């Protein structure tokens, strides 16, 4: 039998079979010794083959079909392993808030670089528009300017008031979309608006830390009533970059990629080399300083781990 993995709980997977029924499946042991350096060899969005266990409604996954793509992050506690967040995506949305909790520019840049590395179109959804005062709207406009100038679409919404929800629905229609972001950015509230009749648990913001409480424990795929699938993921506090070599990193910053062949040296690191076209663009204001600082942060972190 063949099916689509729609939920992962770590050791068990919920698979939507071609016959329209759903099955709880586990992984056959050999999956864990095939050199797959991830904590989860099967992910939400995967197409798998499975067979039912004797005298049981449960299944055993015995085949993983080729992935179109996937998005991955470094495991927080296992530095040499990674976690596949989801597979076979058409696009990825990062839900962003400027306060309660704040999504840093560095976190946004890490997410976008990861999406670039795995060839997944990404866009930013700025939520909680109802909470923004005049100063907040100015900061929001600055964030949008930074990312729209380098080709990343940005959208503003309020899950609470329903602002611009029809626009988001049009972007999701007939596509498989990953929703990601910090805990507390209103991801679950937004999904509840997009999925009438569903009731995904939402959490409060901790006043002590200004961080959200984790409300989604495992990745889960939801069929959208207007066509397409939405993959909800656990709130991410930190996004570790995995399997991107320092010398490749510049390729995943769009505005740097366009200039790299103009550098004096072929092996330019874009750190302190003479004749570096990227450094010149930063000095001239053609590359945003915050983006370059994110590049350096990731670069030196990767260099340390290499």
C-alpha atoms as a PDB file:
ATOM      1  CA  UNK A   1       0.000   0.000   0.000  1.00  0.00           C
ATOM      2  CA  UNK A   2       1.073   3.591  -0.587  1.00  0.00           C
ATOM      3  CA  UNK A   3       0.208   6.694   1.403  1.00  0.00           C
ATOM      4  CA  UNK A   4       1.058  10.204   2.536  1.00  0.00           C
ATOM      5  CA  UNK A   5       2.558  10.872   5.983  1.00  0.00           C
ATOM      6  CA  UNK A   6       0.296  13.484   7.572  1.00  0.00           C
ATOM      7  CA  UNK A   7       1.491  13.401  11.184  1.00  0.00           C
ATOM      8  CA  UNK A   8       4.641  12.455  13.048  1.00  0.00           C
ATOM      9  CA  UNK A   9       4.771  11.711  16.763  1.00  0.00           C
ATOM     10  CA  UNK A  10       8.392  10.634  16.884  1.00  0.00           C
ATOM     11  CA  UNK A  11       7.962   6.883  16.958  1.00  0.00           C
ATOM     12  CA  UNK A  12       4.607   6.605  15.151  1.00  0.00           C
ATOM     13  CA  UNK A  13       3.428   8.086  11.873  1.00  0.00           C
ATOM     14  CA  UNK A  14      -0.113   8.733  10.719  1.00  0.00           C
ATOM     15  CA  UNK A  15      -0.411   7.761   7.055  1.00  0.00           C
ATOM     16  CA  UNK A  16      -3.272   8.718   4.746  1.00  0.00           C
ATOM     17  CA  UNK A  17      -3.657   5.715   2.453  1.00  0.00           C
ATOM     18  CA  UNK A  18      -4.626   5.828  -1.224  1.00  0.00           C
ATOM     19  CA  UNK A  19      -7.923   4.232  -0.195  1.00  0.00           C
ATOM     20  CA  UNK A  20      -8.803   7.328   1.869  1.00  0.00           C
ATOM     21  CA  UNK A  21      -8.280   5.608   5.233  1.00  0.00           C
ATOM     22  CA  UNK A  22      -5.720   6.611   7.840  1.00  0.00           C
ATOM     23  CA  UNK A  23      -3.287   4.210   9.482  1.00  0.00           C
ATOM     24  CA  UNK A  24      -0.918   4.418  12.442  1.00  0.00           C
ATOM     25  CA  UNK A  25       2.429   3.159  11.231  1.00  0.00           C
ATOM     26  CA  UNK A  26       5.868   2.557  12.644  1.00  0.00           C
ATOM     27  CA  UNK A  27       9.171   2.377  10.792  1.00  0.00           C
ATOM     28  CA  UNK A  28      10.777  -0.883   9.787  1.00  0.00           C
ATOM     29  CA  UNK A  29      14.112  -1.247  11.566  1.00  0.00           C
ATOM     30  CA  UNK A  30      16.345  -1.098   8.488  1.00  0.00           C
ATOM     31  CA  UNK A  31      15.448   2.558   7.919  1.00  0.00           C
ATOM     32  CA  UNK A  32      17.668   3.438  10.851  1.00  0.00           C
ATOM     33  CA  UNK A  33      20.825   1.868   9.398  1.00  0.00           C
ATOM     34  CA  UNK A  34      20.748   3.222   5.845  1.00  0.00           C
ATOM     35  CA  UNK A  35      23.110   6.107   6.587  1.00  0.00           C
ATOM     36  CA  UNK A  36      20.331   8.652   7.055  1.00  0.00           C
ATOM     37  CA  UNK A  37      21.868  11.173   9.453  1.00  0.00           C
ATOM     38  CA  UNK A  38      18.593  12.549  10.766  1.00  0.00           C
ATOM     39  CA  UNK A  39      16.654  11.937  13.933  1.00  0.00           C
ATOM     40  CA  UNK A  40      13.571  11.228  11.822  1.00  0.00           C
ATOM     41  CA  UNK A  41      14.165   9.209   8.612  1.00  0.00           C
ATOM     42  CA  UNK A  42      10.501   9.739   7.659  1.00  0.00           C
ATOM     43  CA  UNK A  43       8.831  13.162   7.772  1.00  0.00           C
ATOM     44  CA  UNK A  44       5.423  14.742   7.281  1.00  0.00           C
ATOM     45  CA  UNK A  45       4.832  15.168   3.548  1.00  0.00           C
ATOM     46  CA  UNK A  46       6.681  11.978   2.612  1.00  0.00           C
ATOM     47  CA  UNK A  47       5.135   9.441   0.249  1.00  0.00           C
ATOM     48  CA  UNK A  48       5.698   5.979   1.722  1.00  0.00           C
ATOM     49  CA  UNK A  49       4.948   2.355   1.103  1.00  0.00           C
ATOM     50  CA  UNK A  50       3.562   0.340   4.021  1.00  0.00           C
ATOM     51  CA  UNK A  51       1.991  -2.981   4.915  1.00  0.00           C
ATOM     52  CA  UNK A  52      -0.444  -3.908   7.657  1.00  0.00           C
ATOM     53  CA  UNK A  53       0.782  -5.982  10.553  1.00  0.00           C
ATOM     54  CA  UNK A  54      -0.886  -9.418  10.927  1.00  0.00           C
ATOM     55  CA  UNK A  55      -4.244  -9.219  12.739  1.00  0.00           C
ATOM     56  CA  UNK A  56      -3.860  -5.474  13.235  1.00  0.00           C
ATOM     57  CA  UNK A  57      -5.007  -2.136  11.817  1.00  0.00           C
ATOM     58  CA  UNK A  58      -1.501  -0.746  12.353  1.00  0.00           C
ATOM     59  CA  UNK A  59       1.062  -0.605   9.578  1.00  0.00           C
ATOM     60  CA  UNK A  60       4.800  -0.874   9.045  1.00  0.00           C
ATOM     61  CA  UNK A  61       6.497   1.617   6.686  1.00  0.00           C
ATOM     62  CA  UNK A  62       8.823  -0.344   4.428  1.00  0.00           C
ATOM     63  CA  UNK A  63       9.556   2.123   1.622  1.00  0.00           C
ATOM     64  CA  UNK A  64      10.324   5.830   1.319  1.00  0.00           C
ATOM     65  CA  UNK A  65       9.659   7.284  -2.142  1.00  0.00           C
ATOM     66  CA  UNK A  66      12.003   9.892  -3.608  1.00  0.00           C
ATOM     67  CA  UNK A  67      11.488  13.393  -2.226  1.00  0.00           C
ATOM     68  CA  UNK A  68      11.081  16.452  -4.423  1.00  0.00           C
ATOM     69  CA  UNK A  69      12.651  18.501  -1.646  1.00  0.00           C
ATOM     70  CA  UNK A  70      12.680  18.858   2.119  1.00  0.00           C
ATOM     71  CA  UNK A  71      13.579  21.419   4.737  1.00  0.00           C
ATOM     72  CA  UNK A  72      15.886  20.546   7.586  1.00  0.00           C
ATOM     73  CA  UNK A  73      17.380  21.981  10.750  1.00  0.00           C
ATOM     74  CA  UNK A  74      20.187  20.951  13.061  1.00  0.00           C
ATOM     75  CA  UNK A  75      19.058  18.989  16.089  1.00  0.00           C
ATOM     76  CA  UNK A  76      19.480  21.187  19.155  1.00  0.00           C
ATOM     77  CA  UNK A  77      20.895  18.442  21.379  1.00  0.00           C
ATOM     78  CA  UNK A  78      22.664  16.374  18.723  1.00  0.00           C
ATOM     79  CA  UNK A  79      25.038  18.632  16.823  1.00  0.00           C
ATOM     80  CA  UNK A  80      25.940  16.049  14.183  1.00  0.00           C
ATOM     81  CA  UNK A  81      22.371  15.089  13.434  1.00  0.00           C
ATOM     82  CA  UNK A  82      19.465  16.949  11.912  1.00  0.00           C
ATOM     83  CA  UNK A  83      15.698  16.915  11.932  1.00  0.00           C
ATOM     84  CA  UNK A  84      13.727  16.979   8.695  1.00  0.00           C
ATOM     85  CA  UNK A  85      10.902  19.430   9.375  1.00  0.00           C
ATOM     86  CA  UNK A  86       8.795  18.449   6.331  1.00  0.00           C
ATOM     87  CA  UNK A  87       9.130  17.079   2.784  1.00  0.00           C
ATOM     88  CA  UNK A  88       7.725  17.644  -0.712  1.00  0.00           C
ATOM     89  CA  UNK A  89       6.870  21.315  -0.236  1.00  0.00           C
ATOM     90  CA  UNK A  90       5.679  23.884  -2.752  1.00  0.00           C
ATOM     91  CA  UNK A  91       6.466  26.813  -0.445  1.00  0.00           C
ATOM     92  CA  UNK A  92       7.335  27.807   3.121  1.00  0.00           C
ATOM     93  CA  UNK A  93       5.818  30.631   5.183  1.00  0.00           C
ATOM     94  CA  UNK A  94       7.624  32.083   8.169  1.00  0.00           C
ATOM     95  CA  UNK A  95       5.149  33.696  10.568  1.00  0.00           C
ATOM     96  CA  UNK A  96       6.813  36.754  12.118  1.00  0.00           C
ATOM     97  CA  UNK A  97       5.985  39.114  14.988  1.00  0.00           C
ATOM     98  CA  UNK A  98       7.946  42.204  15.998  1.00  0.00           C
ATOM     99  CA  UNK A  99       7.075  41.883  19.703  1.00  0.00           C
ATOM    100  CA  UNK A 100       5.540  39.383  22.122  1.00  0.00           C
ATOM    101  CA  UNK A 101       7.640  37.526  20.999  1.00  0.00           C
ATOM    102  CA  UNK A 102      10.104  39.347  18.768  1.00  0.00           C
ATOM    103  CA  UNK A 103      11.353  37.552  15.669  1.00  0.00           C
ATOM    104  CA  UNK A 104      14.915  38.721  15.076  1.00  0.00           C
ATOM    105  CA  UNK A 105      16.302  39.574  11.659  1.00  0.00           C
ATOM    106  CA  UNK A 106      18.956  36.912  12.261  1.00  0.00           C
ATOM    107  CA  UNK A 107      16.324  34.209  12.752  1.00  0.00           C
ATOM    108  CA  UNK A 108      14.511  35.316   9.577  1.00  0.00           C
ATOM    109  CA  UNK A 109      17.769  35.195   7.612  1.00  0.00           C
ATOM    110  CA  UNK A 110      18.602  31.695   8.856  1.00  0.00           C
ATOM    111  CA  UNK A 111      15.164  30.470   7.808  1.00  0.00           C
ATOM    112  CA  UNK A 112      15.456  32.066   4.357  1.00  0.00           C
ATOM    113  CA  UNK A 113      18.969  30.705   3.810  1.00  0.00           C
ATOM    114  CA  UNK A 114      17.770  27.209   4.714  1.00  0.00           C
ATOM    115  CA  UNK A 115      14.836  27.514   2.303  1.00  0.00           C
ATOM    116  CA  UNK A 116      17.210  28.699  -0.449  1.00  0.00           C
ATOM    117  CA  UNK A 117      19.562  25.788   0.203  1.00  0.00           C
ATOM    118  CA  UNK A 118      16.750  23.269  -0.253  1.00  0.00           C
ATOM    119  CA  UNK A 119      15.154  25.134  -3.186  1.00  0.00           C
ATOM    120  CA  UNK A 120      11.882  25.966  -1.446  1.00  0.00           C
ATOM    121  CA  UNK A 121      10.182  29.318  -2.254  1.00  0.00           C
ATOM    122  CA  UNK A 122       9.751  31.284   0.986  1.00  0.00           C
ATOM    123  CA  UNK A 123       7.725  34.279   2.103  1.00  0.00           C
ATOM    124  CA  UNK A 124       7.123  36.192   5.333  1.00  0.00           C
ATOM    125  CA  UNK A 125       3.756  36.589   7.069  1.00  0.00           C
ATOM    126  CA  UNK A 126       3.732  39.414   9.633  1.00  0.00           C
ATOM    127  CA  UNK A 127       1.001  38.583  12.152  1.00  0.00           C
ATOM    128  CA  UNK A 128      -0.682  40.534  14.995  1.00  0.00           C
ATOM    129  CA  UNK A 129      -1.216  43.622  12.851  1.00  0.00           C
ATOM    130  CA  UNK A 130      -3.935  44.637  15.317  1.00  0.00           C
ATOM    131  CA  UNK A 131      -1.298  45.225  18.034  1.00  0.00           C
ATOM    132  CA  UNK A 132       0.947  47.625  16.102  1.00  0.00           C
ATOM    133  CA  UNK A 133       1.128  51.283  17.131  1.00  0.00           C
ATOM    134  CA  UNK A 134       2.587  53.996  14.892  1.00  0.00           C
ATOM    135  CA  UNK A 135       6.190  53.183  15.845  1.00  0.00           C
ATOM    136  CA  UNK A 136       5.553  49.488  15.311  1.00  0.00           C
ATOM    137  CA  UNK A 137       4.185  50.131  11.824  1.00  0.00           C
ATOM    138  CA  UNK A 138       7.385  52.018  10.970  1.00  0.00           C
ATOM    139  CA  UNK A 139       9.514  49.058  12.070  1.00  0.00           C
ATOM    140  CA  UNK A 140       7.223  46.732  10.109  1.00  0.00           C
ATOM    141  CA  UNK A 141       7.685  48.858   6.980  1.00  0.00           C
ATOM    142  CA  UNK A 142      11.464  48.666   7.441  1.00  0.00           C
ATOM    143  CA  UNK A 143      11.372  44.861   7.769  1.00  0.00           C
ATOM    144  CA  UNK A 144       9.229  44.639   4.634  1.00  0.00           C
ATOM    145  CA  UNK A 145      11.569  46.944   2.722  1.00  0.00           C
ATOM    146  CA  UNK A 146      14.606  44.789   3.565  1.00  0.00           C
ATOM    147  CA  UNK A 147      13.053  41.559   2.334  1.00  0.00           C
ATOM    148  CA  UNK A 148      10.913  42.771  -0.547  1.00  0.00           C
ATOM    149  CA  UNK A 149      13.986  44.494  -2.018  1.00  0.00           C
ATOM    150  CA  UNK A 150      15.679  41.105  -2.366  1.00  0.00           C
ATOM    151  CA  UNK A 151      12.617  39.361  -3.730  1.00  0.00           C
ATOM    152  CA  UNK A 152      10.885  37.812  -0.720  1.00  0.00           C
ATOM    153  CA  UNK A 153       7.139  38.491  -0.659  1.00  0.00           C
ATOM    154  CA  UNK A 154       5.865  39.948   2.634  1.00  0.00           C
ATOM    155  CA  UNK A 155       2.270  39.971   3.844  1.00  0.00           C
ATOM    156  CA  UNK A 156       0.613  41.508   6.902  1.00  0.00           C
ATOM    157  CA  UNK A 157      -2.263  39.807   8.699  1.00  0.00           C
ATOM    158  CA  UNK A 158      -4.224  39.757  11.918  1.00  0.00           C
ATOM    159  CA  UNK A 159      -5.490  36.308  12.820  1.00  0.00           C
ATOM    160  CA  UNK A 160      -7.530  37.909  15.622  1.00  0.00           C
ATOM    161  CA  UNK A 161      -9.389  40.359  13.376  1.00  0.00           C
ATOM    162  CA  UNK A 162      -9.269  38.367  10.127  1.00  0.00           C
ATOM    163  CA  UNK A 163      -7.252  41.030   8.298  1.00  0.00           C
ATOM    164  CA  UNK A 164      -5.989  39.891   4.858  1.00  0.00           C
ATOM    165  CA  UNK A 165      -6.972  36.264   5.475  1.00  0.00           C
ATOM    166  CA  UNK A 166      -8.534  35.887   1.980  1.00  0.00           C
ATOM    167  CA  UNK A 167      -5.189  36.930   0.493  1.00  0.00           C
ATOM    168  CA  UNK A 168      -3.372  34.213   2.461  1.00  0.00           C
ATOM    169  CA  UNK A 169      -5.980  31.669   1.356  1.00  0.00           C
ATOM    170  CA  UNK A 170      -5.278  32.552  -2.292  1.00  0.00           C
ATOM    171  CA  UNK A 171      -1.548  31.949  -1.720  1.00  0.00           C
ATOM    172  CA  UNK A 172      -2.208  28.556  -0.096  1.00  0.00           C
ATOM    173  CA  UNK A 173      -4.736  27.249  -2.618  1.00  0.00           C
ATOM    174  CA  UNK A 174      -3.749  23.933  -4.213  1.00  0.00           C
ATOM    175  CA  UNK A 175      -0.219  24.021  -2.755  1.00  0.00           C
ATOM    176  CA  UNK A 176       1.591  22.180   0.039  1.00  0.00           C
ATOM    177  CA  UNK A 177       2.814  24.876   2.425  1.00  0.00           C
ATOM    178  CA  UNK A 178       4.980  24.738   5.526  1.00  0.00           C
ATOM    179  CA  UNK A 179       4.036  27.121   8.360  1.00  0.00           C
ATOM    180  CA  UNK A 180       6.919  27.863  10.714  1.00  0.00           C
ATOM    181  CA  UNK A 181       7.918  30.437  13.315  1.00  0.00           C
ATOM    182  CA  UNK A 182       8.691  31.023  16.967  1.00  0.00           C
ATOM    183  CA  UNK A 183       6.250  29.784  19.607  1.00  0.00           C
ATOM    184  CA  UNK A 184       3.803  32.579  20.346  1.00  0.00           C
ATOM    185  CA  UNK A 185       3.720  34.300  16.941  1.00  0.00           C
ATOM    186  CA  UNK A 186       0.074  33.283  16.485  1.00  0.00           C
ATOM    187  CA  UNK A 187       0.716  30.462  14.045  1.00  0.00           C
ATOM    188  CA  UNK A 188      -1.937  28.203  15.583  1.00  0.00           C
ATOM    189  CA  UNK A 189      -4.464  31.075  15.742  1.00  0.00           C
ATOM    190  CA  UNK A 190      -3.848  31.800  12.067  1.00  0.00           C
ATOM    191  CA  UNK A 191      -4.274  28.145  11.127  1.00  0.00           C
ATOM    192  CA  UNK A 192      -7.535  27.976  13.096  1.00  0.00           C
ATOM    193  CA  UNK A 193      -8.873  30.852  10.964  1.00  0.00           C
ATOM    194  CA  UNK A 194      -7.795  29.085   7.768  1.00  0.00           C
ATOM    195  CA  UNK A 195      -9.288  25.751   8.888  1.00  0.00           C
ATOM    196  CA  UNK A 196     -12.867  26.376  10.054  1.00  0.00           C
ATOM    197  CA  UNK A 197     -14.018  23.606  12.369  1.00  0.00           C
ATOM    198  CA  UNK A 198     -10.499  22.770  13.529  1.00  0.00           C
ATOM    199  CA  UNK A 199      -9.386  23.837  16.962  1.00  0.00           C
ATOM    200  CA  UNK A 200      -5.609  23.778  17.258  1.00  0.00           C
ATOM    201  CA  UNK A 201      -4.568  24.634  20.790  1.00  0.00           C
ATOM    202  CA  UNK A 202      -3.147  28.128  21.218  1.00  0.00           C
ATOM    203  CA  UNK A 203      -0.836  29.260  23.998  1.00  0.00           C
ATOM    204  CA  UNK A 204      -0.213  32.329  26.102  1.00  0.00           C
ATOM    205  CA  UNK A 205       2.945  34.414  26.030  1.00  0.00           C
ATOM    206  CA  UNK A 206       5.165  34.087  29.091  1.00  0.00           C
ATOM    207  CA  UNK A 207       5.477  37.525  30.694  1.00  0.00           C
ATOM    208  CA  UNK A 208       8.834  36.586  32.224  1.00  0.00           C
ATOM    209  CA  UNK A 209      10.540  35.607  28.974  1.00  0.00           C
ATOM    210  CA  UNK A 210       8.262  37.206  26.342  1.00  0.00           C
ATOM    211  CA  UNK A 211       8.363  33.857  24.566  1.00  0.00           C
ATOM    212  CA  UNK A 212       5.487  31.691  23.510  1.00  0.00           C
ATOM    213  CA  UNK A 213       4.667  28.367  25.070  1.00  0.00           C
ATOM    214  CA  UNK A 214       4.970  25.354  22.750  1.00  0.00           C
ATOM    215  CA  UNK A 215       1.453  24.337  21.693  1.00  0.00           C
ATOM    216  CA  UNK A 216       2.215  22.178  18.649  1.00  0.00           C
ATOM    217  CA  UNK A 217       4.239  19.167  19.763  1.00  0.00           C
ATOM    218  CA  UNK A 218       4.618  17.349  16.435  1.00  0.00           C
ATOM    219  CA  UNK A 219       4.435  18.280  12.757  1.00  0.00           C
ATOM    220  CA  UNK A 220       1.026  17.705  11.215  1.00  0.00           C
ATOM    221  CA  UNK A 221      -0.450  18.152   7.739  1.00  0.00           C
ATOM    222  CA  UNK A 222      -3.974  19.532   7.317  1.00  0.00           C
ATOM    223  CA  UNK A 223      -6.076  19.418   4.141  1.00  0.00           C
ATOM    224  CA  UNK A 224      -7.357  22.909   3.333  1.00  0.00           C
ATOM    225  CA  UNK A 225     -11.063  23.284   2.480  1.00  0.00           C
ATOM    226  CA  UNK A 226     -10.216  25.379  -0.607  1.00  0.00           C
ATOM    227  CA  UNK A 227      -7.525  22.952  -1.879  1.00  0.00           C
ATOM    228  CA  UNK A 228      -3.976  22.233  -0.854  1.00  0.00           C
ATOM    229  CA  UNK A 229      -2.249  21.200   2.353  1.00  0.00           C
ATOM    230  CA  UNK A 230      -0.864  23.171   5.267  1.00  0.00           C
ATOM    231  CA  UNK A 231       1.887  21.686   7.451  1.00  0.00           C
ATOM    232  CA  UNK A 232       1.922  23.001  11.014  1.00  0.00           C
ATOM    233  CA  UNK A 233       5.207  22.601  12.859  1.00  0.00           C
ATOM    234  CA  UNK A 234       6.326  22.962  16.478  1.00  0.00           C
ATOM    235  CA  UNK A 235       7.399  26.484  17.390  1.00  0.00           C
ATOM    236  CA  UNK A 236      11.116  26.902  16.751  1.00  0.00           C
ATOM    237  CA  UNK A 237      13.180  28.803  19.331  1.00  0.00           C
ATOM    238  CA  UNK A 238      16.493  28.389  17.499  1.00  0.00           C
ATOM    239  CA  UNK A 239      17.173  27.412  13.911  1.00  0.00           C
ATOM    240  CA  UNK A 240      20.466  25.580  13.514  1.00  0.00           C
ATOM    241  CA  UNK A 241      21.849  25.584   9.980  1.00  0.00           C
ATOM    242  CA  UNK A 242      22.762  22.064   8.880  1.00  0.00           C
ATOM    243  CA  UNK A 243      24.839  20.722   6.000  1.00  0.00           C
ATOM    244  CA  UNK A 244      25.708  24.106   4.436  1.00  0.00           C
ATOM    245  CA  UNK A 245      29.453  24.468   3.968  1.00  0.00           C
ATOM    246  CA  UNK A 246      30.923  27.896   4.809  1.00  0.00           C
ATOM    247  CA  UNK A 247      32.221  28.348   1.257  1.00  0.00           C
ATOM    248  CA  UNK A 248      28.711  27.683  -0.135  1.00  0.00           C
ATOM    249  CA  UNK A 249      26.815  29.980   2.214  1.00  0.00           C
ATOM    250  CA  UNK A 250      26.943  33.095   0.024  1.00  0.00           C
ATOM    251  CA  UNK A 251      24.975  31.263  -2.671  1.00  0.00           C
ATOM    252  CA  UNK A 252      21.982  31.184  -0.312  1.00  0.00           C
ATOM    253  CA  UNK A 253      21.917  34.950   0.241  1.00  0.00           C
ATOM    254  CA  UNK A 254      20.259  36.195  -2.941  1.00  0.00           C
ATOM    255  CA  UNK A 255      21.782  39.667  -3.002  1.00  0.00           C
ATOM    256  CA  UNK A 256      25.273  38.229  -2.433  1.00  0.00           C
ATOM    257  CA  UNK A 257      24.892  35.471  -5.005  1.00  0.00           C
ATOM    258  CA  UNK A 258      24.413  38.074  -7.740  1.00  0.00           C
ATOM    259  CA  UNK A 259      27.776  39.715  -6.926  1.00  0.00           C
ATOM    260  CA  UNK A 260      30.047  36.790  -6.089  1.00  0.00           C
ATOM    261  CA  UNK A 261      31.493  36.383  -9.591  1.00  0.00           C
ATOM    262  CA  UNK A 262      32.712  40.000  -9.407  1.00  0.00           C
ATOM    263  CA  UNK A 263      35.054  39.358  -6.451  1.00  0.00           C
ATOM    264  CA  UNK A 264      38.789  39.573  -7.129  1.00  0.00           C
ATOM    265  CA  UNK A 265      39.460  36.073  -5.792  1.00  0.00           C
ATOM    266  CA  UNK A 266      37.539  32.943  -6.773  1.00  0.00           C
ATOM    267  CA  UNK A 267      37.689  31.586  -3.223  1.00  0.00           C
ATOM    268  CA  UNK A 268      36.596  34.865  -1.606  1.00  0.00           C
ATOM    269  CA  UNK A 269      34.929  34.328   1.781  1.00  0.00           C
ATOM    270  CA  UNK A 270      33.384  37.840   1.752  1.00  0.00           C
ATOM    271  CA  UNK A 271      34.849  38.462   5.210  1.00  0.00           C
ATOM    272  CA  UNK A 272      37.916  40.724   4.849  1.00  0.00           C
ATOM    273  CA  UNK A 273      39.423  39.979   1.433  1.00  0.00           C
ATOM    274  CA  UNK A 274      40.617  42.812  -0.829  1.00  0.00           C
ATOM    275  CA  UNK A 275      38.585  43.325  -3.981  1.00  0.00           C
ATOM    276  CA  UNK A 276      35.460  41.711  -2.516  1.00  0.00           C
ATOM    277  CA  UNK A 277      32.376  42.861  -4.416  1.00  0.00           C
ATOM    278  CA  UNK A 278      30.114  41.834  -1.520  1.00  0.00           C
ATOM    279  CA  UNK A 279      31.997  43.965   1.029  1.00  0.00           C
ATOM    280  CA  UNK A 280      31.919  46.900  -1.379  1.00  0.00           C
ATOM    281  CA  UNK A 281      28.154  46.509  -1.770  1.00  0.00           C
ATOM    282  CA  UNK A 282      27.738  46.467   2.017  1.00  0.00           C
ATOM    283  CA  UNK A 283      29.806  49.670   2.322  1.00  0.00           C
ATOM    284  CA  UNK A 284      27.724  51.326  -0.421  1.00  0.00           C
ATOM    285  CA  UNK A 285      24.450  50.333   1.230  1.00  0.00           C
ATOM    286  CA  UNK A 286      23.493  48.037  -1.639  1.00  0.00           C
ATOM    287  CA  UNK A 287      23.450  45.053   0.727  1.00  0.00           C
ATOM    288  CA  UNK A 288      21.641  45.541   4.012  1.00  0.00           C
ATOM    289  CA  UNK A 289      24.020  45.521   6.989  1.00  0.00           C
ATOM    290  CA  UNK A 290      21.688  43.264   9.002  1.00  0.00           C
ATOM    291  CA  UNK A 291      21.758  40.687   6.218  1.00  0.00           C
ATOM    292  CA  UNK A 292      25.546  40.759   6.030  1.00  0.00           C
ATOM    293  CA  UNK A 293      25.805  40.415   9.812  1.00  0.00           C
ATOM    294  CA  UNK A 294      23.554  37.340   9.589  1.00  0.00           C
ATOM    295  CA  UNK A 295      25.847  35.929   6.906  1.00  0.00           C
ATOM    296  CA  UNK A 296      28.891  36.413   9.156  1.00  0.00           C
ATOM    297  CA  UNK A 297      27.122  34.857  12.140  1.00  0.00           C
ATOM    298  CA  UNK A 298      26.161  31.754  10.175  1.00  0.00           C
ATOM    299  CA  UNK A 299      29.531  31.612   8.392  1.00  0.00           C
ATOM    300  CA  UNK A 300      31.622  31.665  11.544  1.00  0.00           C
ATOM    301  CA  UNK A 301      29.285  29.238  13.285  1.00  0.00           C
ATOM    302  CA  UNK A 302      29.573  26.797  10.407  1.00  0.00           C
ATOM    303  CA  UNK A 303      33.327  27.296  10.227  1.00  0.00           C
ATOM    304  CA  UNK A 304      33.573  26.423  13.914  1.00  0.00           C
ATOM    305  CA  UNK A 305      31.626  23.206  13.371  1.00  0.00           C
ATOM    306  CA  UNK A 306      33.433  22.184  10.183  1.00  0.00           C
END
